[in-house]
């Protein structure tokens, strides 16, 4: 995952949330200028949150949406946007 210290500012945009039993798959877009270079960084990550008794029990990050969906065995109806 990205080290947030490298950013001057980081914006998080949640693109899609999918529920799959005890898991929630979240597709997130991170963007912001680099602290040293000022160059804009634009990255997408996928996070699987496993819930137990209304609390987060486990968090797993993936760089690829398909990997995150496979991790929770979600049936895909086509590629997520």
N, C-alpha and C. Protein backbone atom coordinates (compact mmCIF):
# COMPACT_ATOMS: atom_id res chain seq x y z
N UNK A 1 0.83 -1.17 0.00
CA UNK A 1 0.00 0.00 0.00
C UNK A 1 0.88 1.24 0.00
N UNK A 2 0.25 2.36 -0.25
CA UNK A 2 0.96 3.62 -0.35
C UNK A 2 1.27 4.18 1.03
N UNK A 3 2.45 4.75 1.18
CA UNK A 3 2.80 5.45 2.42
C UNK A 3 2.22 6.86 2.32
N UNK A 4 1.32 7.21 3.23
CA UNK A 4 0.63 8.49 3.15
C UNK A 4 1.54 9.66 3.51
N UNK A 5 2.67 9.38 4.12
CA UNK A 5 3.62 10.44 4.44
C UNK A 5 4.21 11.05 3.18
N UNK A 6 4.18 10.32 2.07
CA UNK A 6 4.73 10.82 0.81
C UNK A 6 3.83 11.85 0.15
N UNK A 7 2.60 12.01 0.66
CA UNK A 7 1.63 12.94 0.08
C UNK A 7 1.60 14.27 0.83
N UNK A 8 1.40 15.33 0.10
CA UNK A 8 1.13 16.63 0.71
C UNK A 8 -0.29 16.59 1.31
N UNK A 9 -1.21 16.02 0.55
CA UNK A 9 -2.60 15.85 0.95
C UNK A 9 -3.11 14.61 0.23
N UNK A 10 -3.98 13.83 0.88
CA UNK A 10 -4.53 12.62 0.26
C UNK A 10 -6.05 12.74 0.25
N UNK A 11 -6.66 12.50 -0.91
CA UNK A 11 -8.11 12.45 -1.03
C UNK A 11 -8.52 11.00 -1.24
N UNK A 12 -9.51 10.55 -0.50
CA UNK A 12 -10.05 9.20 -0.62
C UNK A 12 -11.45 9.31 -1.19
N UNK A 13 -11.71 8.62 -2.28
CA UNK A 13 -13.04 8.56 -2.86
C UNK A 13 -13.47 7.11 -2.93
N UNK A 14 -14.55 6.77 -2.24
CA UNK A 14 -15.08 5.41 -2.30
C UNK A 14 -15.90 5.30 -3.57
N UNK A 15 -15.48 4.40 -4.45
CA UNK A 15 -16.15 4.24 -5.74
C UNK A 15 -17.28 3.23 -5.67
N UNK A 16 -17.05 2.11 -4.99
CA UNK A 16 -18.07 1.05 -4.92
C UNK A 16 -17.91 0.31 -3.59
N UNK A 17 -19.03 -0.02 -2.96
CA UNK A 17 -19.08 -0.90 -1.79
C UNK A 17 -19.96 -2.09 -2.14
N UNK A 18 -19.46 -3.29 -1.92
CA UNK A 18 -20.23 -4.51 -2.16
C UNK A 18 -20.25 -5.34 -0.89
N UNK A 19 -21.42 -5.81 -0.48
CA UNK A 19 -21.51 -6.69 0.68
C UNK A 19 -21.55 -8.14 0.22
N UNK A 20 -20.78 -8.99 0.90
CA UNK A 20 -20.73 -10.42 0.59
C UNK A 20 -20.63 -11.18 1.91
N UNK A 21 -21.78 -11.57 2.46
CA UNK A 21 -21.84 -12.26 3.75
C UNK A 21 -21.21 -11.38 4.84
N UNK A 22 -20.15 -11.84 5.49
CA UNK A 22 -19.50 -11.06 6.55
C UNK A 22 -18.46 -10.09 6.02
N UNK A 23 -18.29 -10.03 4.71
CA UNK A 23 -17.28 -9.16 4.11
C UNK A 23 -17.91 -7.98 3.38
N UNK A 24 -17.17 -6.87 3.39
CA UNK A 24 -17.54 -5.71 2.58
C UNK A 24 -16.33 -5.42 1.70
N UNK A 25 -16.54 -5.37 0.39
CA UNK A 25 -15.47 -5.06 -0.56
C UNK A 25 -15.63 -3.59 -0.94
N UNK A 26 -14.58 -2.83 -0.76
CA UNK A 26 -14.60 -1.40 -1.06
C UNK A 26 -13.54 -1.09 -2.10
N UNK A 27 -13.94 -0.40 -3.17
CA UNK A 27 -13.00 0.07 -4.18
C UNK A 27 -12.77 1.55 -3.92
N UNK A 28 -11.52 1.91 -3.69
CA UNK A 28 -11.16 3.26 -3.27
C UNK A 28 -10.18 3.88 -4.25
N UNK A 29 -10.37 5.15 -4.52
CA UNK A 29 -9.43 5.91 -5.35
C UNK A 29 -8.70 6.89 -4.43
N UNK A 30 -7.36 6.79 -4.42
CA UNK A 30 -6.51 7.70 -3.65
C UNK A 30 -5.88 8.68 -4.61
N UNK A 31 -5.87 9.94 -4.27
CA UNK A 31 -5.20 10.92 -5.13
C UNK A 31 -4.68 12.06 -4.29
N UNK A 32 -3.63 12.68 -4.79
CA UNK A 32 -3.06 13.83 -4.12
C UNK A 32 -1.67 14.13 -4.64
N UNK A 33 -1.18 15.33 -4.39
CA UNK A 33 0.16 15.70 -4.83
C UNK A 33 1.24 15.12 -3.91
N UNK A 34 2.35 14.73 -4.53
CA UNK A 34 3.49 14.25 -3.75
C UNK A 34 4.09 15.37 -2.93
N UNK A 35 4.51 15.05 -1.72
CA UNK A 35 5.07 16.07 -0.81
C UNK A 35 6.33 16.71 -1.39
N UNK A 36 7.22 15.92 -1.94
CA UNK A 36 8.49 16.44 -2.46
C UNK A 36 8.37 16.93 -3.90
N UNK A 37 7.74 16.13 -4.75
CA UNK A 37 7.73 16.43 -6.19
C UNK A 37 6.57 17.31 -6.62
N UNK A 38 5.47 17.26 -5.89
CA UNK A 38 4.28 17.99 -6.30
C UNK A 38 3.49 17.28 -7.39
N UNK A 39 4.02 16.14 -7.88
CA UNK A 39 3.32 15.39 -8.92
C UNK A 39 2.05 14.75 -8.37
N UNK A 40 1.00 14.76 -9.19
CA UNK A 40 -0.27 14.17 -8.78
C UNK A 40 -0.19 12.65 -8.84
N UNK A 41 -0.54 12.01 -7.74
CA UNK A 41 -0.61 10.56 -7.67
C UNK A 41 -2.08 10.17 -7.71
N UNK A 42 -2.42 9.20 -8.55
CA UNK A 42 -3.79 8.74 -8.68
C UNK A 42 -3.75 7.22 -8.69
N UNK A 43 -4.25 6.60 -7.62
CA UNK A 43 -4.13 5.15 -7.46
C UNK A 43 -5.45 4.57 -7.00
N UNK A 44 -5.77 3.40 -7.47
CA UNK A 44 -6.97 2.69 -7.03
C UNK A 44 -6.54 1.47 -6.23
N UNK A 45 -7.23 1.25 -5.11
CA UNK A 45 -6.98 0.07 -4.29
C UNK A 45 -8.32 -0.59 -3.97
N UNK A 46 -8.27 -1.82 -3.57
CA UNK A 46 -9.45 -2.56 -3.15
C UNK A 46 -9.20 -3.07 -1.74
N UNK A 47 -10.21 -2.93 -0.89
CA UNK A 47 -10.07 -3.34 0.50
C UNK A 47 -11.23 -4.27 0.85
N UNK A 48 -10.91 -5.38 1.52
CA UNK A 48 -11.92 -6.31 2.01
C UNK A 48 -11.95 -6.19 3.52
N UNK A 49 -13.12 -5.80 4.04
CA UNK A 49 -13.34 -5.64 5.47
C UNK A 49 -14.16 -6.84 5.94
N UNK A 50 -13.66 -7.62 6.87
CA UNK A 50 -14.43 -8.73 7.44
C UNK A 50 -15.02 -8.27 8.76
N UNK A 51 -16.33 -8.40 8.87
CA UNK A 51 -17.05 -7.91 10.04
C UNK A 51 -17.45 -9.07 10.96
N UNK A 52 -17.36 -8.86 12.26
CA UNK A 52 -17.81 -9.81 13.28
C UNK A 52 -18.52 -9.02 14.37
N UNK A 53 -19.76 -9.36 14.64
CA UNK A 53 -20.53 -8.70 15.69
C UNK A 53 -20.54 -7.18 15.53
N UNK A 54 -20.65 -6.71 14.28
CA UNK A 54 -20.73 -5.28 14.02
C UNK A 54 -19.42 -4.52 14.10
N UNK A 55 -18.31 -5.25 14.20
CA UNK A 55 -16.99 -4.62 14.29
C UNK A 55 -16.07 -5.17 13.22
N UNK A 56 -15.08 -4.38 12.85
CA UNK A 56 -14.10 -4.84 11.87
C UNK A 56 -13.18 -5.84 12.54
N UNK A 57 -13.13 -7.06 11.99
CA UNK A 57 -12.30 -8.12 12.54
C UNK A 57 -11.02 -8.31 11.74
N UNK A 58 -11.06 -7.93 10.45
CA UNK A 58 -9.90 -8.14 9.58
C UNK A 58 -9.99 -7.18 8.40
N UNK A 59 -8.85 -6.68 7.96
CA UNK A 59 -8.77 -5.80 6.79
C UNK A 59 -7.68 -6.34 5.88
N UNK A 60 -8.04 -6.52 4.60
CA UNK A 60 -7.06 -6.98 3.61
C UNK A 60 -7.10 -6.03 2.42
N UNK A 61 -5.92 -5.62 1.97
CA UNK A 61 -5.81 -4.72 0.83
C UNK A 61 -5.33 -5.44 -0.42
N UNK A 62 -5.87 -5.02 -1.56
CA UNK A 62 -5.51 -5.61 -2.85
C UNK A 62 -5.32 -4.49 -3.87
N UNK A 63 -4.39 -4.68 -4.78
CA UNK A 63 -4.19 -3.70 -5.85
C UNK A 63 -5.12 -3.94 -7.02
N UNK A 64 -5.68 -5.13 -7.11
CA UNK A 64 -6.50 -5.51 -8.24
C UNK A 64 -7.92 -5.82 -7.76
N UNK A 65 -8.91 -5.26 -8.43
CA UNK A 65 -10.31 -5.48 -8.04
C UNK A 65 -10.70 -6.95 -8.13
N UNK A 66 -10.25 -7.62 -9.16
CA UNK A 66 -10.59 -9.03 -9.35
C UNK A 66 -10.06 -9.88 -8.20
N UNK A 67 -8.86 -9.58 -7.71
CA UNK A 67 -8.29 -10.31 -6.57
C UNK A 67 -9.16 -10.15 -5.33
N UNK A 68 -9.62 -8.94 -5.09
CA UNK A 68 -10.46 -8.68 -3.92
C UNK A 68 -11.78 -9.45 -4.05
N UNK A 69 -12.37 -9.42 -5.22
CA UNK A 69 -13.63 -10.15 -5.43
C UNK A 69 -13.43 -11.65 -5.30
N UNK A 70 -12.33 -12.15 -5.84
CA UNK A 70 -12.02 -13.58 -5.71
C UNK A 70 -11.80 -13.96 -4.25
N UNK A 71 -11.21 -13.05 -3.47
CA UNK A 71 -10.92 -13.34 -2.06
C UNK A 71 -12.19 -13.59 -1.27
N UNK A 72 -13.29 -13.01 -1.69
CA UNK A 72 -14.56 -13.22 -0.99
C UNK A 72 -15.53 -14.06 -1.82
N UNK A 73 -15.05 -14.59 -2.94
CA UNK A 73 -15.85 -15.46 -3.82
C UNK A 73 -17.13 -14.81 -4.29
N UNK A 74 -17.07 -13.54 -4.65
CA UNK A 74 -18.23 -12.82 -5.18
C UNK A 74 -18.40 -13.19 -6.63
N UNK A 75 -19.62 -13.51 -7.01
CA UNK A 75 -19.91 -13.79 -8.42
C UNK A 75 -19.93 -12.46 -9.16
N UNK A 76 -19.13 -12.35 -10.19
CA UNK A 76 -19.03 -11.12 -10.95
C UNK A 76 -20.07 -11.08 -12.08
N UNK A 77 -20.77 -9.97 -12.21
CA UNK A 77 -21.73 -9.74 -13.27
C UNK A 77 -21.11 -8.86 -14.34
N UNK A 78 -19.81 -8.88 -14.46
CA UNK A 78 -19.07 -8.00 -15.37
C UNK A 78 -18.12 -7.18 -14.52
N UNK A 79 -17.19 -6.49 -15.17
CA UNK A 79 -16.19 -5.73 -14.42
C UNK A 79 -16.81 -4.55 -13.69
N UNK A 80 -16.41 -4.31 -12.42
CA UNK A 80 -16.90 -3.14 -11.71
C UNK A 80 -16.33 -1.87 -12.33
N UNK A 81 -17.06 -0.78 -12.25
CA UNK A 81 -16.61 0.50 -12.83
C UNK A 81 -16.06 1.39 -11.75
